[in-house]
């Protein structure tokens, strides 16, 4: 919660769990969270989405980038949908 307040809204929440492949495939990513209520609700949802046998260790909070801003890591880049 403190990270979301520090970044400012909107934010993205991603479940943190060792051994979990694609977080978005299981509902482990929530986008465009506009306030603390949405962040708390999203946290419960992403943790509950973790499959049996895998333990969630928490969640990562990141600032939501404006539409059209690319995120790049190393040699791999992804553009937001609709950009």
N, C-alpha and C. Protein backbone atom coordinates (compact mmCIF):
# COMPACT_ATOMS: atom_id res chain seq x y z
N UNK A 1 0.82 -1.18 0.00
CA UNK A 1 0.00 0.00 0.00
C UNK A 1 0.87 1.26 0.00
N UNK A 2 1.91 1.23 0.79
CA UNK A 2 2.80 2.39 0.87
C UNK A 2 3.44 2.68 -0.48
N UNK A 3 3.81 1.62 -1.22
CA UNK A 3 4.44 1.81 -2.53
C UNK A 3 3.47 2.48 -3.50
N UNK A 4 2.21 2.06 -3.49
CA UNK A 4 1.21 2.65 -4.37
C UNK A 4 1.04 4.14 -4.06
N UNK A 5 1.00 4.47 -2.79
CA UNK A 5 0.88 5.88 -2.39
C UNK A 5 2.11 6.68 -2.82
N UNK A 6 3.27 6.06 -2.69
CA UNK A 6 4.53 6.74 -3.05
C UNK A 6 4.60 6.98 -4.56
N UNK A 7 4.20 5.97 -5.36
CA UNK A 7 4.24 6.11 -6.82
C UNK A 7 3.19 7.07 -7.32
N UNK A 8 2.03 7.07 -6.66
CA UNK A 8 0.88 7.79 -7.17
C UNK A 8 0.08 6.85 -8.07
N UNK A 9 -1.16 7.18 -8.28
CA UNK A 9 -2.04 6.30 -9.05
C UNK A 9 -2.15 6.78 -10.48
N UNK A 10 -2.45 5.88 -11.40
CA UNK A 10 -2.77 4.46 -11.24
C UNK A 10 -1.51 3.61 -11.11
N UNK A 11 -1.70 2.41 -10.55
CA UNK A 11 -0.60 1.46 -10.40
C UNK A 11 -1.00 0.10 -10.95
N UNK A 12 0.00 -0.76 -11.08
CA UNK A 12 -0.15 -2.15 -11.50
C UNK A 12 0.24 -3.02 -10.31
N UNK A 13 -0.48 -4.11 -10.10
CA UNK A 13 -0.16 -5.05 -9.03
C UNK A 13 0.09 -6.41 -9.65
N UNK A 14 1.21 -7.05 -9.31
CA UNK A 14 1.57 -8.37 -9.84
C UNK A 14 1.88 -9.30 -8.68
N UNK A 15 1.28 -10.48 -8.69
CA UNK A 15 1.52 -11.44 -7.62
C UNK A 15 2.98 -11.89 -7.67
N UNK A 16 3.57 -12.12 -6.52
CA UNK A 16 4.93 -12.63 -6.40
C UNK A 16 4.86 -14.05 -5.87
N UNK A 17 5.33 -15.01 -6.68
CA UNK A 17 5.28 -16.41 -6.27
C UNK A 17 6.38 -17.17 -7.02
N UNK A 18 7.25 -17.81 -6.27
CA UNK A 18 8.33 -18.62 -6.85
C UNK A 18 7.72 -19.78 -7.62
N UNK A 19 8.20 -19.99 -8.85
CA UNK A 19 7.75 -21.12 -9.65
C UNK A 19 6.50 -20.85 -10.47
N UNK A 20 6.04 -19.62 -10.45
CA UNK A 20 4.85 -19.26 -11.22
C UNK A 20 5.30 -18.77 -12.58
N UNK A 21 4.74 -19.34 -13.64
CA UNK A 21 5.11 -18.94 -15.00
C UNK A 21 4.59 -17.56 -15.35
N UNK A 22 3.58 -17.53 -16.17
CA UNK A 22 3.02 -16.26 -16.64
C UNK A 22 1.91 -15.80 -15.71
N UNK A 23 2.19 -14.76 -14.97
CA UNK A 23 1.24 -14.25 -13.98
C UNK A 23 -0.09 -13.86 -14.62
N UNK A 24 -0.03 -13.26 -15.79
CA UNK A 24 -1.25 -12.79 -16.42
C UNK A 24 -2.16 -13.95 -16.84
N UNK A 25 -1.60 -15.13 -17.10
CA UNK A 25 -2.40 -16.28 -17.50
C UNK A 25 -3.31 -16.78 -16.39
N UNK A 26 -2.98 -16.50 -15.15
CA UNK A 26 -3.79 -17.01 -14.03
C UNK A 26 -4.56 -15.89 -13.33
N UNK A 27 -4.50 -14.69 -13.85
CA UNK A 27 -5.17 -13.57 -13.18
C UNK A 27 -4.32 -12.93 -12.10
N UNK A 28 -3.00 -13.09 -12.22
CA UNK A 28 -2.09 -12.58 -11.21
C UNK A 28 -1.59 -11.18 -11.45
N UNK A 29 -2.20 -10.46 -12.41
CA UNK A 29 -1.81 -9.08 -12.71
C UNK A 29 -3.08 -8.23 -12.79
N UNK A 30 -3.05 -7.10 -12.12
CA UNK A 30 -4.18 -6.16 -12.16
C UNK A 30 -3.65 -4.80 -12.60
N UNK A 31 -4.29 -4.21 -13.58
CA UNK A 31 -3.85 -2.94 -14.16
C UNK A 31 -4.77 -1.79 -13.79
N UNK A 32 -4.22 -0.59 -13.82
CA UNK A 32 -5.01 0.62 -13.69
C UNK A 32 -5.69 0.82 -12.35
N UNK A 33 -5.06 0.39 -11.28
CA UNK A 33 -5.65 0.52 -9.94
C UNK A 33 -5.58 1.99 -9.52
N UNK A 34 -6.75 2.55 -9.21
CA UNK A 34 -6.87 4.00 -9.04
C UNK A 34 -6.80 4.51 -7.61
N UNK A 35 -6.90 3.60 -6.61
CA UNK A 35 -6.86 4.06 -5.23
C UNK A 35 -6.56 2.89 -4.30
N UNK A 36 -6.42 3.19 -3.01
CA UNK A 36 -6.07 2.18 -2.03
C UNK A 36 -7.08 1.05 -1.94
N UNK A 37 -8.35 1.37 -2.06
CA UNK A 37 -9.40 0.34 -2.03
C UNK A 37 -9.19 -0.67 -3.16
N UNK A 38 -8.93 -0.17 -4.37
CA UNK A 38 -8.69 -1.06 -5.52
C UNK A 38 -7.43 -1.89 -5.33
N UNK A 39 -6.39 -1.31 -4.76
CA UNK A 39 -5.14 -2.05 -4.52
C UNK A 39 -5.37 -3.19 -3.53
N UNK A 40 -6.07 -2.92 -2.45
CA UNK A 40 -6.35 -3.97 -1.45
C UNK A 40 -7.19 -5.10 -2.05
N UNK A 41 -8.21 -4.74 -2.82
CA UNK A 41 -9.07 -5.73 -3.47
C UNK A 41 -8.26 -6.56 -4.47
N UNK A 42 -7.44 -5.89 -5.27
CA UNK A 42 -6.61 -6.58 -6.27
C UNK A 42 -5.62 -7.53 -5.60
N UNK A 43 -5.07 -7.10 -4.46
CA UNK A 43 -4.12 -7.96 -3.74
C UNK A 43 -4.80 -9.28 -3.35
N UNK A 44 -5.98 -9.19 -2.78
CA UNK A 44 -6.70 -10.42 -2.40
C UNK A 44 -6.96 -11.29 -3.62
N UNK A 45 -7.31 -10.69 -4.74
CA UNK A 45 -7.62 -11.44 -5.95
C UNK A 45 -6.39 -12.11 -6.55
N UNK A 46 -5.25 -11.41 -6.63
CA UNK A 46 -4.07 -12.02 -7.25
C UNK A 46 -3.49 -13.13 -6.38
N UNK A 47 -3.54 -12.95 -5.07
CA UNK A 47 -3.04 -14.00 -4.17
C UNK A 47 -3.95 -15.23 -4.26
N UNK A 48 -5.25 -15.02 -4.34
CA UNK A 48 -6.20 -16.13 -4.45
C UNK A 48 -6.07 -16.87 -5.78
N UNK A 49 -5.53 -16.20 -6.80
CA UNK A 49 -5.41 -16.80 -8.13
C UNK A 49 -4.23 -17.77 -8.25
N UNK A 50 -3.33 -17.77 -7.29
CA UNK A 50 -2.15 -18.64 -7.35
C UNK A 50 -2.60 -20.10 -7.24
N UNK A 51 -2.14 -20.94 -8.17
CA UNK A 51 -2.56 -22.35 -8.16
C UNK A 51 -2.12 -23.09 -6.89
N UNK A 52 -2.87 -24.11 -6.57
CA UNK A 52 -2.54 -24.96 -5.43
C UNK A 52 -1.14 -25.54 -5.61
N UNK A 53 -0.39 -25.59 -4.54
CA UNK A 53 0.97 -26.10 -4.58
C UNK A 53 2.03 -25.03 -4.76
N UNK A 54 1.61 -23.82 -5.07
CA UNK A 54 2.53 -22.69 -5.20
C UNK A 54 2.13 -21.67 -4.14
N UNK A 55 3.11 -21.14 -3.43
CA UNK A 55 2.82 -20.18 -2.37
C UNK A 55 3.14 -18.76 -2.81
N UNK A 56 2.16 -17.88 -2.67
CA UNK A 56 2.38 -16.47 -2.97
C UNK A 56 3.18 -15.84 -1.83
N UNK A 57 4.20 -15.07 -2.18
CA UNK A 57 5.01 -14.41 -1.16
C UNK A 57 4.62 -12.94 -1.00
N UNK A 58 3.64 -12.50 -1.77
CA UNK A 58 3.21 -11.11 -1.71
C UNK A 58 2.87 -10.62 -3.10
N UNK A 59 3.07 -9.33 -3.33
CA UNK A 59 2.78 -8.75 -4.63
C UNK A 59 3.72 -7.58 -4.89
N UNK A 60 3.97 -7.32 -6.16
CA UNK A 60 4.80 -6.20 -6.59
C UNK A 60 3.89 -5.07 -7.06
N UNK A 61 4.22 -3.85 -6.70
CA UNK A 61 3.47 -2.68 -7.14
C UNK A 61 4.38 -1.86 -8.05
N UNK A 62 3.83 -1.46 -9.20
CA UNK A 62 4.59 -0.63 -10.13
C UNK A 62 3.71 0.50 -10.62
N UNK A 63 4.30 1.62 -10.98
CA UNK A 63 3.49 2.69 -11.56
C UNK A 63 2.91 2.23 -12.90
N UNK A 64 1.68 2.61 -13.20
CA UNK A 64 1.07 2.31 -14.50
C UNK A 64 1.66 3.29 -15.50
N UNK A 65 2.19 2.79 -16.58
CA UNK A 65 2.74 3.65 -17.61
C UNK A 65 1.63 4.14 -18.53
N UNK A 66 1.75 5.33 -19.04
CA UNK A 66 0.73 5.83 -19.98
C UNK A 66 0.67 4.95 -21.23
N UNK A 67 -0.51 4.89 -21.84
CA UNK A 67 -0.68 4.11 -23.07
C UNK A 67 0.34 4.56 -24.10
N UNK A 68 0.99 3.58 -24.73
CA UNK A 68 1.97 3.88 -25.76
C UNK A 68 3.40 3.90 -25.26
N UNK A 69 3.61 3.86 -23.94
CA UNK A 69 4.97 3.83 -23.40
C UNK A 69 5.45 2.39 -23.39
N UNK A 70 6.59 2.14 -23.96
CA UNK A 70 7.13 0.79 -24.05
C UNK A 70 7.93 0.46 -22.81
N UNK A 71 7.84 -0.79 -22.38
CA UNK A 71 8.69 -1.29 -21.30
C UNK A 71 9.72 -2.21 -21.93
N UNK A 72 11.01 -1.96 -21.66
CA UNK A 72 12.07 -2.77 -22.26
C UNK A 72 12.97 -3.35 -21.18
N UNK A 73 13.30 -4.62 -21.34
CA UNK A 73 14.23 -5.31 -20.45
C UNK A 73 15.21 -6.04 -21.33
N UNK A 74 16.48 -5.74 -21.19
CA UNK A 74 17.53 -6.39 -21.95
C UNK A 74 17.21 -6.27 -23.44
N UNK A 75 17.14 -7.41 -24.14
CA UNK A 75 16.89 -7.39 -25.57
C UNK A 75 15.42 -7.63 -25.90
N UNK A 76 14.57 -7.70 -24.90
CA UNK A 76 13.15 -8.00 -25.12
C UNK A 76 12.32 -6.78 -24.79
N UNK A 77 11.40 -6.43 -25.65
CA UNK A 77 10.54 -5.27 -25.42
C UNK A 77 9.08 -5.68 -25.56
N UNK A 78 8.24 -5.03 -24.79
CA UNK A 78 6.79 -5.26 -24.91
C UNK A 78 6.11 -3.92 -24.96
N UNK A 79 5.12 -3.81 -25.80
CA UNK A 79 4.32 -2.60 -25.87
C UNK A 79 2.96 -2.88 -25.26
N UNK A 80 2.40 -1.92 -24.57
CA UNK A 80 1.06 -2.15 -24.01
C UNK A 80 0.05 -2.45 -25.10
N UNK A 81 -0.93 -3.26 -24.80
CA UNK A 81 -1.97 -3.59 -25.78
C UNK A 81 -2.65 -2.32 -26.27
N UNK A 82 -2.86 -2.25 -27.55
CA UNK A 82 -3.55 -1.10 -28.11
C UNK A 82 -2.66 0.08 -28.41
N UNK A 83 -1.36 -0.07 -28.17
CA UNK A 83 -0.45 1.06 -28.42
C UNK A 83 -0.07 1.13 -29.89
